[in-house]
């Protein structure tokens, strides 16, 4: 005869095992938005960049004060699909890929464009800005195709299986600092100057409750089969 207490204990154990398995799984960013609040006064005075417009893809306003937001591309986007994934139990040890966006910001009567931004990671950039870089960077892939900012001073980092939120400052990258100086847009190299903040609010599908139920049922079926064999 099957012991009822054993069945209940097995189901509970199966549910706990299923929950642990879900938490250990790699999850994928599938959408969301990245909010960017740039210090336009500083960009205008130090880099001769005056905001003139944003593309129709841009969300205005964004979540941050005085910000605009850029939609995160889907994983099956025809151009620049998002590939970012991570294990919530070990974000720093497992994250990979990039978060891709749609939308442009235009300066100086629309003569200077940056947009369709990539947020990626490069371990070699940890040494940037006197070691202040986190390794994450923001690159423009349209208009000026270059790394624009290094991500510094991460203040918000939420990395669960159902939510990814990263808040940090944006510092002028060595590449963008050189571009501004070489093109006569700044009188000095602005590398390392903090000129804004970003808040990534990514959509991550929640683990299905059905997974827990199926695994629990599997545990129950196993104990039932075992019980029948021992009669």
C-alpha atoms as a PDB file:
ATOM      1  CA  UNK A   1       0.000   0.000   0.000  1.00  0.00           C
ATOM      2  CA  UNK A   2       1.181   3.478  -0.810  1.00  0.00           C
ATOM      3  CA  UNK A   3       1.776   5.609   2.252  1.00  0.00           C
ATOM      4  CA  UNK A   4      -0.223   8.871   1.948  1.00  0.00           C
ATOM      5  CA  UNK A   5       2.345  10.794   3.972  1.00  0.00           C
ATOM      6  CA  UNK A   6       5.054   9.586   1.620  1.00  0.00           C
ATOM      7  CA  UNK A   7       3.056  10.809  -1.383  1.00  0.00           C
ATOM      8  CA  UNK A   8       2.545  14.243   0.158  1.00  0.00           C
ATOM      9  CA  UNK A   9       6.205  14.511   1.091  1.00  0.00           C
ATOM     10  CA  UNK A  10       7.245  13.476  -2.405  1.00  0.00           C
ATOM     11  CA  UNK A  11       4.984  16.059  -4.074  1.00  0.00           C
ATOM     12  CA  UNK A  12       6.314  18.792  -1.772  1.00  0.00           C
ATOM     13  CA  UNK A  13       9.872  17.746  -2.541  1.00  0.00           C
ATOM     14  CA  UNK A  14       9.126  17.710  -6.268  1.00  0.00           C
ATOM     15  CA  UNK A  15       7.705  21.233  -6.117  1.00  0.00           C
ATOM     16  CA  UNK A  16      10.746  22.476  -4.207  1.00  0.00           C
ATOM     17  CA  UNK A  17      13.028  20.757  -6.699  1.00  0.00           C
ATOM     18  CA  UNK A  18      11.112  22.300  -9.589  1.00  0.00           C
ATOM     19  CA  UNK A  19      11.361  25.775  -8.063  1.00  0.00           C
ATOM     20  CA  UNK A  20      15.103  25.330  -7.576  1.00  0.00           C
ATOM     21  CA  UNK A  21      15.448  24.118 -11.155  1.00  0.00           C
ATOM     22  CA  UNK A  22      13.601  27.162 -12.506  1.00  0.00           C
ATOM     23  CA  UNK A  23      15.770  29.501 -10.457  1.00  0.00           C
ATOM     24  CA  UNK A  24      18.890  27.853 -11.861  1.00  0.00           C
ATOM     25  CA  UNK A  25      17.822  28.197 -15.472  1.00  0.00           C
ATOM     26  CA  UNK A  26      19.164  30.801 -17.859  1.00  0.00           C
ATOM     27  CA  UNK A  27      16.523  33.407 -18.745  1.00  0.00           C
ATOM     28  CA  UNK A  28      16.398  35.643 -21.792  1.00  0.00           C
ATOM     29  CA  UNK A  29      15.619  39.330 -22.291  1.00  0.00           C
ATOM     30  CA  UNK A  30      12.793  39.574 -24.847  1.00  0.00           C
ATOM     31  CA  UNK A  31      11.788  43.245 -24.717  1.00  0.00           C
ATOM     32  CA  UNK A  32      11.363  46.312 -22.534  1.00  0.00           C
ATOM     33  CA  UNK A  33      12.961  49.735 -22.748  1.00  0.00           C
ATOM     34  CA  UNK A  34      16.123  51.597 -21.813  1.00  0.00           C
ATOM     35  CA  UNK A  35      15.641  55.084 -20.425  1.00  0.00           C
ATOM     36  CA  UNK A  36      18.374  57.656 -21.046  1.00  0.00           C
ATOM     37  CA  UNK A  37      18.622  61.048 -19.362  1.00  0.00           C
ATOM     38  CA  UNK A  38      21.460  63.015 -20.925  1.00  0.00           C
ATOM     39  CA  UNK A  39      22.838  66.268 -19.529  1.00  0.00           C
ATOM     40  CA  UNK A  40      22.059  68.314 -22.628  1.00  0.00           C
ATOM     41  CA  UNK A  41      23.346  71.536 -21.051  1.00  0.00           C
ATOM     42  CA  UNK A  42      26.775  69.950 -20.582  1.00  0.00           C
ATOM     43  CA  UNK A  43      26.743  68.421 -24.063  1.00  0.00           C
ATOM     44  CA  UNK A  44      25.898  71.790 -25.573  1.00  0.00           C
ATOM     45  CA  UNK A  45      28.473  73.812 -23.662  1.00  0.00           C
ATOM     46  CA  UNK A  46      31.323  71.282 -23.666  1.00  0.00           C
ATOM     47  CA  UNK A  47      30.733  69.361 -26.883  1.00  0.00           C
ATOM     48  CA  UNK A  48      28.739  71.753 -29.066  1.00  0.00           C
ATOM     49  CA  UNK A  49      25.927  69.206 -29.359  1.00  0.00           C
ATOM     50  CA  UNK A  50      22.472  70.786 -29.308  1.00  0.00           C
ATOM     51  CA  UNK A  51      19.503  68.413 -29.285  1.00  0.00           C
ATOM     52  CA  UNK A  52      17.301  68.991 -32.321  1.00  0.00           C
ATOM     53  CA  UNK A  53      14.967  65.982 -32.526  1.00  0.00           C
ATOM     54  CA  UNK A  54      14.375  62.316 -31.816  1.00  0.00           C
ATOM     55  CA  UNK A  55      13.069  59.643 -34.170  1.00  0.00           C
ATOM     56  CA  UNK A  56       9.467  58.468 -34.064  1.00  0.00           C
ATOM     57  CA  UNK A  57      10.551  55.190 -32.419  1.00  0.00           C
ATOM     58  CA  UNK A  58      11.678  56.965 -29.259  1.00  0.00           C
ATOM     59  CA  UNK A  59       9.417  56.860 -26.183  1.00  0.00           C
ATOM     60  CA  UNK A  60       9.031  60.355 -24.737  1.00  0.00           C
ATOM     61  CA  UNK A  61       9.090  60.767 -21.791  1.00  0.00           C
ATOM     62  CA  UNK A  62      10.996  57.842 -20.330  1.00  0.00           C
ATOM     63  CA  UNK A  63      10.901  56.547 -16.761  1.00  0.00           C
ATOM     64  CA  UNK A  64      13.782  58.700 -15.490  1.00  0.00           C
ATOM     65  CA  UNK A  65      13.274  62.423 -14.995  1.00  0.00           C
ATOM     66  CA  UNK A  66      13.926  64.377 -18.196  1.00  0.00           C
ATOM     67  CA  UNK A  67      14.596  61.191 -20.128  1.00  0.00           C
ATOM     68  CA  UNK A  68      13.589  59.501 -23.346  1.00  0.00           C
ATOM     69  CA  UNK A  69      13.417  55.739 -23.789  1.00  0.00           C
ATOM     70  CA  UNK A  70      14.421  53.343 -26.529  1.00  0.00           C
ATOM     71  CA  UNK A  71      12.486  50.107 -27.124  1.00  0.00           C
ATOM     72  CA  UNK A  72      14.452  46.897 -26.595  1.00  0.00           C
ATOM     73  CA  UNK A  73      14.458  44.824 -29.768  1.00  0.00           C
ATOM     74  CA  UNK A  74      12.889  41.373 -29.749  1.00  0.00           C
ATOM     75  CA  UNK A  75      15.037  38.268 -30.031  1.00  0.00           C
ATOM     76  CA  UNK A  76      13.597  37.554 -33.467  1.00  0.00           C
ATOM     77  CA  UNK A  77      13.990  41.114 -34.790  1.00  0.00           C
ATOM     78  CA  UNK A  78      15.025  41.236 -38.444  1.00  0.00           C
ATOM     79  CA  UNK A  79      17.783  43.710 -37.586  1.00  0.00           C
ATOM     80  CA  UNK A  80      19.877  43.810 -34.401  1.00  0.00           C
ATOM     81  CA  UNK A  81      18.019  41.145 -32.382  1.00  0.00           C
ATOM     82  CA  UNK A  82      18.575  41.194 -28.629  1.00  0.00           C
ATOM     83  CA  UNK A  83      20.663  38.234 -27.427  1.00  0.00           C
ATOM     84  CA  UNK A  84      21.142  39.014 -23.715  1.00  0.00           C
ATOM     85  CA  UNK A  85      20.630  36.166 -21.230  1.00  0.00           C
ATOM     86  CA  UNK A  86      21.671  35.319 -17.680  1.00  0.00           C
ATOM     87  CA  UNK A  87      21.245  32.911 -14.792  1.00  0.00           C
ATOM     88  CA  UNK A  88      19.452  34.803 -11.978  1.00  0.00           C
ATOM     89  CA  UNK A  89      21.386  32.831  -9.364  1.00  0.00           C
ATOM     90  CA  UNK A  90      24.746  33.984 -10.773  1.00  0.00           C
ATOM     91  CA  UNK A  91      24.211  37.065 -12.954  1.00  0.00           C
ATOM     92  CA  UNK A  92      27.808  38.316 -12.969  1.00  0.00           C
ATOM     93  CA  UNK A  93      29.171  34.875 -13.757  1.00  0.00           C
ATOM     94  CA  UNK A  94      26.731  33.922 -16.510  1.00  0.00           C
ATOM     95  CA  UNK A  95      25.407  36.954 -18.422  1.00  0.00           C
ATOM     96  CA  UNK A  96      26.128  37.064 -22.126  1.00  0.00           C
ATOM     97  CA  UNK A  97      24.990  38.716 -25.339  1.00  0.00           C
ATOM     98  CA  UNK A  98      23.773  42.234 -25.972  1.00  0.00           C
ATOM     99  CA  UNK A  99      20.635  44.343 -25.496  1.00  0.00           C
ATOM    100  CA  UNK A 100      19.721  46.009 -28.781  1.00  0.00           C
ATOM    101  CA  UNK A 101      17.473  49.043 -29.297  1.00  0.00           C
ATOM    102  CA  UNK A 102      15.586  51.001 -31.925  1.00  0.00           C
ATOM    103  CA  UNK A 103      15.502  54.804 -32.112  1.00  0.00           C
ATOM    104  CA  UNK A 104      17.774  57.779 -32.744  1.00  0.00           C
ATOM    105  CA  UNK A 105      18.695  61.108 -31.162  1.00  0.00           C
ATOM    106  CA  UNK A 106      19.720  63.937 -33.492  1.00  0.00           C
ATOM    107  CA  UNK A 107      21.806  67.015 -32.742  1.00  0.00           C
ATOM    108  CA  UNK A 108      22.785  70.247 -34.474  1.00  0.00           C
ATOM    109  CA  UNK A 109      19.830  70.633 -36.830  1.00  0.00           C
ATOM    110  CA  UNK A 110      19.773  66.860 -37.369  1.00  0.00           C
ATOM    111  CA  UNK A 111      23.293  66.850 -38.817  1.00  0.00           C
ATOM    112  CA  UNK A 112      24.645  64.548 -36.083  1.00  0.00           C
ATOM    113  CA  UNK A 113      22.793  61.292 -35.394  1.00  0.00           C
ATOM    114  CA  UNK A 114      23.329  58.529 -32.858  1.00  0.00           C
ATOM    115  CA  UNK A 115      20.946  55.646 -32.406  1.00  0.00           C
ATOM    116  CA  UNK A 116      19.891  52.008 -32.593  1.00  0.00           C
ATOM    117  CA  UNK A 117      21.967  51.553 -29.480  1.00  0.00           C
ATOM    118  CA  UNK A 118      23.716  48.395 -28.347  1.00  0.00           C
ATOM    119  CA  UNK A 119      24.383  47.713 -24.684  1.00  0.00           C
ATOM    120  CA  UNK A 120      27.138  45.143 -24.544  1.00  0.00           C
ATOM    121  CA  UNK A 121      30.002  43.951 -22.396  1.00  0.00           C
ATOM    122  CA  UNK A 122      33.711  43.879 -23.117  1.00  0.00           C
ATOM    123  CA  UNK A 123      36.072  42.725 -20.384  1.00  0.00           C
ATOM    124  CA  UNK A 124      38.875  44.782 -21.910  1.00  0.00           C
ATOM    125  CA  UNK A 125      36.877  47.940 -21.123  1.00  0.00           C
ATOM    126  CA  UNK A 126      37.172  47.318 -17.382  1.00  0.00           C
ATOM    127  CA  UNK A 127      40.443  49.241 -17.578  1.00  0.00           C
ATOM    128  CA  UNK A 128      38.831  52.237 -19.285  1.00  0.00           C
ATOM    129  CA  UNK A 129      38.498  55.586 -17.529  1.00  0.00           C
ATOM    130  CA  UNK A 130      41.236  54.817 -15.049  1.00  0.00           C
ATOM    131  CA  UNK A 131      39.599  51.548 -14.065  1.00  0.00           C
ATOM    132  CA  UNK A 132      36.199  53.126 -13.380  1.00  0.00           C
ATOM    133  CA  UNK A 133      34.501  51.253 -16.223  1.00  0.00           C
ATOM    134  CA  UNK A 134      32.240  48.296 -15.470  1.00  0.00           C
ATOM    135  CA  UNK A 135      32.922  46.627 -18.799  1.00  0.00           C
ATOM    136  CA  UNK A 136      29.456  47.520 -20.070  1.00  0.00           C
ATOM    137  CA  UNK A 137      29.255  50.056 -22.880  1.00  0.00           C
ATOM    138  CA  UNK A 138      26.678  51.830 -25.036  1.00  0.00           C
ATOM    139  CA  UNK A 139      27.410  51.921 -28.756  1.00  0.00           C
ATOM    140  CA  UNK A 140      25.610  53.700 -31.577  1.00  0.00           C
ATOM    141  CA  UNK A 141      25.083  51.587 -34.685  1.00  0.00           C
ATOM    142  CA  UNK A 142      23.556  54.286 -36.908  1.00  0.00           C
ATOM    143  CA  UNK A 143      24.797  57.763 -37.778  1.00  0.00           C
ATOM    144  CA  UNK A 144      27.956  57.815 -35.666  1.00  0.00           C
ATOM    145  CA  UNK A 145      28.815  54.109 -35.463  1.00  0.00           C
ATOM    146  CA  UNK A 146      31.031  53.986 -32.382  1.00  0.00           C
ATOM    147  CA  UNK A 147      31.148  53.292 -28.667  1.00  0.00           C
ATOM    148  CA  UNK A 148      29.654  56.412 -27.092  1.00  0.00           C
ATOM    149  CA  UNK A 149      29.559  55.745 -23.379  1.00  0.00           C
ATOM    150  CA  UNK A 150      31.054  53.513 -20.743  1.00  0.00           C
ATOM    151  CA  UNK A 151      28.611  52.422 -18.045  1.00  0.00           C
ATOM    152  CA  UNK A 152      29.858  53.487 -14.596  1.00  0.00           C
ATOM    153  CA  UNK A 153      28.570  53.771 -11.037  1.00  0.00           C
ATOM    154  CA  UNK A 154      25.918  51.045 -11.156  1.00  0.00           C
ATOM    155  CA  UNK A 155      23.370  51.989  -8.496  1.00  0.00           C
ATOM    156  CA  UNK A 156      20.511  49.630  -9.342  1.00  0.00           C
ATOM    157  CA  UNK A 157      20.949  45.968 -10.225  1.00  0.00           C
ATOM    158  CA  UNK A 158      17.922  43.677 -10.058  1.00  0.00           C
ATOM    159  CA  UNK A 159      18.474  40.331 -11.758  1.00  0.00           C
ATOM    160  CA  UNK A 160      15.662  37.898 -10.946  1.00  0.00           C
ATOM    161  CA  UNK A 161      14.048  35.289 -13.176  1.00  0.00           C
ATOM    162  CA  UNK A 162      11.217  37.711 -13.951  1.00  0.00           C
ATOM    163  CA  UNK A 163      12.873  41.123 -13.838  1.00  0.00           C
ATOM    164  CA  UNK A 164      16.064  42.766 -15.070  1.00  0.00           C
ATOM    165  CA  UNK A 165      16.704  46.367 -14.071  1.00  0.00           C
ATOM    166  CA  UNK A 166      20.056  48.118 -14.298  1.00  0.00           C
ATOM    167  CA  UNK A 167      20.564  51.759 -13.362  1.00  0.00           C
ATOM    168  CA  UNK A 168      23.909  53.519 -13.840  1.00  0.00           C
ATOM    169  CA  UNK A 169      25.719  56.629 -15.049  1.00  0.00           C
ATOM    170  CA  UNK A 170      27.011  57.181 -18.565  1.00  0.00           C
ATOM    171  CA  UNK A 171      30.559  58.464 -19.048  1.00  0.00           C
ATOM    172  CA  UNK A 172      32.006  59.641 -22.362  1.00  0.00           C
ATOM    173  CA  UNK A 173      34.005  56.764 -23.838  1.00  0.00           C
ATOM    174  CA  UNK A 174      37.576  57.161 -25.109  1.00  0.00           C
ATOM    175  CA  UNK A 175      36.260  56.644 -28.664  1.00  0.00           C
ATOM    176  CA  UNK A 176      33.557  59.313 -28.385  1.00  0.00           C
ATOM    177  CA  UNK A 177      35.900  61.698 -26.617  1.00  0.00           C
ATOM    178  CA  UNK A 178      38.342  61.411 -29.511  1.00  0.00           C
ATOM    179  CA  UNK A 179      35.562  61.809 -32.083  1.00  0.00           C
ATOM    180  CA  UNK A 180      34.317  65.030 -30.508  1.00  0.00           C
ATOM    181  CA  UNK A 181      37.825  66.462 -30.275  1.00  0.00           C
ATOM    182  CA  UNK A 182      38.895  65.395 -33.775  1.00  0.00           C
ATOM    183  CA  UNK A 183      35.765  66.908 -35.338  1.00  0.00           C
ATOM    184  CA  UNK A 184      36.086  70.235 -33.557  1.00  0.00           C
ATOM    185  CA  UNK A 185      33.033  69.649 -31.367  1.00  0.00           C
ATOM    186  CA  UNK A 186      34.993  70.008 -28.122  1.00  0.00           C
ATOM    187  CA  UNK A 187      38.061  71.972 -27.055  1.00  0.00           C
ATOM    188  CA  UNK A 188      39.379  69.150 -24.881  1.00  0.00           C
ATOM    189  CA  UNK A 189      39.005  65.407 -24.674  1.00  0.00           C
ATOM    190  CA  UNK A 190      35.868  64.703 -22.615  1.00  0.00           C
ATOM    191  CA  UNK A 191      36.778  61.074 -21.983  1.00  0.00           C
ATOM    192  CA  UNK A 192      35.373  59.985 -18.627  1.00  0.00           C
ATOM    193  CA  UNK A 193      33.012  62.934 -18.176  1.00  0.00           C
ATOM    194  CA  UNK A 194      29.668  61.774 -16.743  1.00  0.00           C
ATOM    195  CA  UNK A 195      27.019  63.221 -19.036  1.00  0.00           C
ATOM    196  CA  UNK A 196      23.902  61.266 -18.160  1.00  0.00           C
ATOM    197  CA  UNK A 197      22.225  58.252 -16.643  1.00  0.00           C
ATOM    198  CA  UNK A 198      20.518  55.156 -17.981  1.00  0.00           C
ATOM    199  CA  UNK A 199      17.921  52.774 -16.595  1.00  0.00           C
ATOM    200  CA  UNK A 200      17.402  49.439 -18.339  1.00  0.00           C
ATOM    201  CA  UNK A 201      13.944  47.967 -17.672  1.00  0.00           C
ATOM    202  CA  UNK A 202      13.984  44.670 -19.523  1.00  0.00           C
ATOM    203  CA  UNK A 203      11.165  42.198 -20.018  1.00  0.00           C
ATOM    204  CA  UNK A 204      12.043  38.657 -18.958  1.00  0.00           C
ATOM    205  CA  UNK A 205       9.349  35.953 -19.275  1.00  0.00           C
ATOM    206  CA  UNK A 206       8.330  34.563 -15.906  1.00  0.00           C
ATOM    207  CA  UNK A 207       8.883  30.820 -15.399  1.00  0.00           C
ATOM    208  CA  UNK A 208       5.690  28.916 -16.136  1.00  0.00           C
ATOM    209  CA  UNK A 209       3.806  27.507 -13.164  1.00  0.00           C
ATOM    210  CA  UNK A 210       3.097  24.543 -15.422  1.00  0.00           C
ATOM    211  CA  UNK A 211       6.720  23.472 -15.070  1.00  0.00           C
ATOM    212  CA  UNK A 212       6.263  23.111 -11.334  1.00  0.00           C
ATOM    213  CA  UNK A 213       3.035  21.181 -11.748  1.00  0.00           C
ATOM    214  CA  UNK A 214       4.496  18.791 -14.324  1.00  0.00           C
ATOM    215  CA  UNK A 215       7.554  18.070 -12.211  1.00  0.00           C
ATOM    216  CA  UNK A 216       5.411  17.556  -9.124  1.00  0.00           C
ATOM    217  CA  UNK A 217       3.174  15.178 -11.067  1.00  0.00           C
ATOM    218  CA  UNK A 218       6.272  13.385 -12.281  1.00  0.00           C
ATOM    219  CA  UNK A 219       7.382  12.907  -8.695  1.00  0.00           C
ATOM    220  CA  UNK A 220       3.948  11.604  -7.742  1.00  0.00           C
ATOM    221  CA  UNK A 221       3.889   9.176 -10.697  1.00  0.00           C
ATOM    222  CA  UNK A 222       7.321   7.893  -9.737  1.00  0.00           C
ATOM    223  CA  UNK A 223       6.316   7.126  -6.150  1.00  0.00           C
ATOM    224  CA  UNK A 224       3.056   5.584  -7.338  1.00  0.00           C
ATOM    225  CA  UNK A 225       4.919   3.253  -9.693  1.00  0.00           C
ATOM    226  CA  UNK A 226       7.338   2.371  -6.936  1.00  0.00           C
ATOM    227  CA  UNK A 227       4.424   1.641  -4.610  1.00  0.00           C
ATOM    228  CA  UNK A 228       2.777  -0.678  -7.116  1.00  0.00           C
ATOM    229  CA  UNK A 229       5.986  -2.633  -7.632  1.00  0.00           C
ATOM    230  CA  UNK A 230       6.442  -3.169  -3.894  1.00  0.00           C
ATOM    231  CA  UNK A 231       2.937  -4.530  -3.259  1.00  0.00           C
END
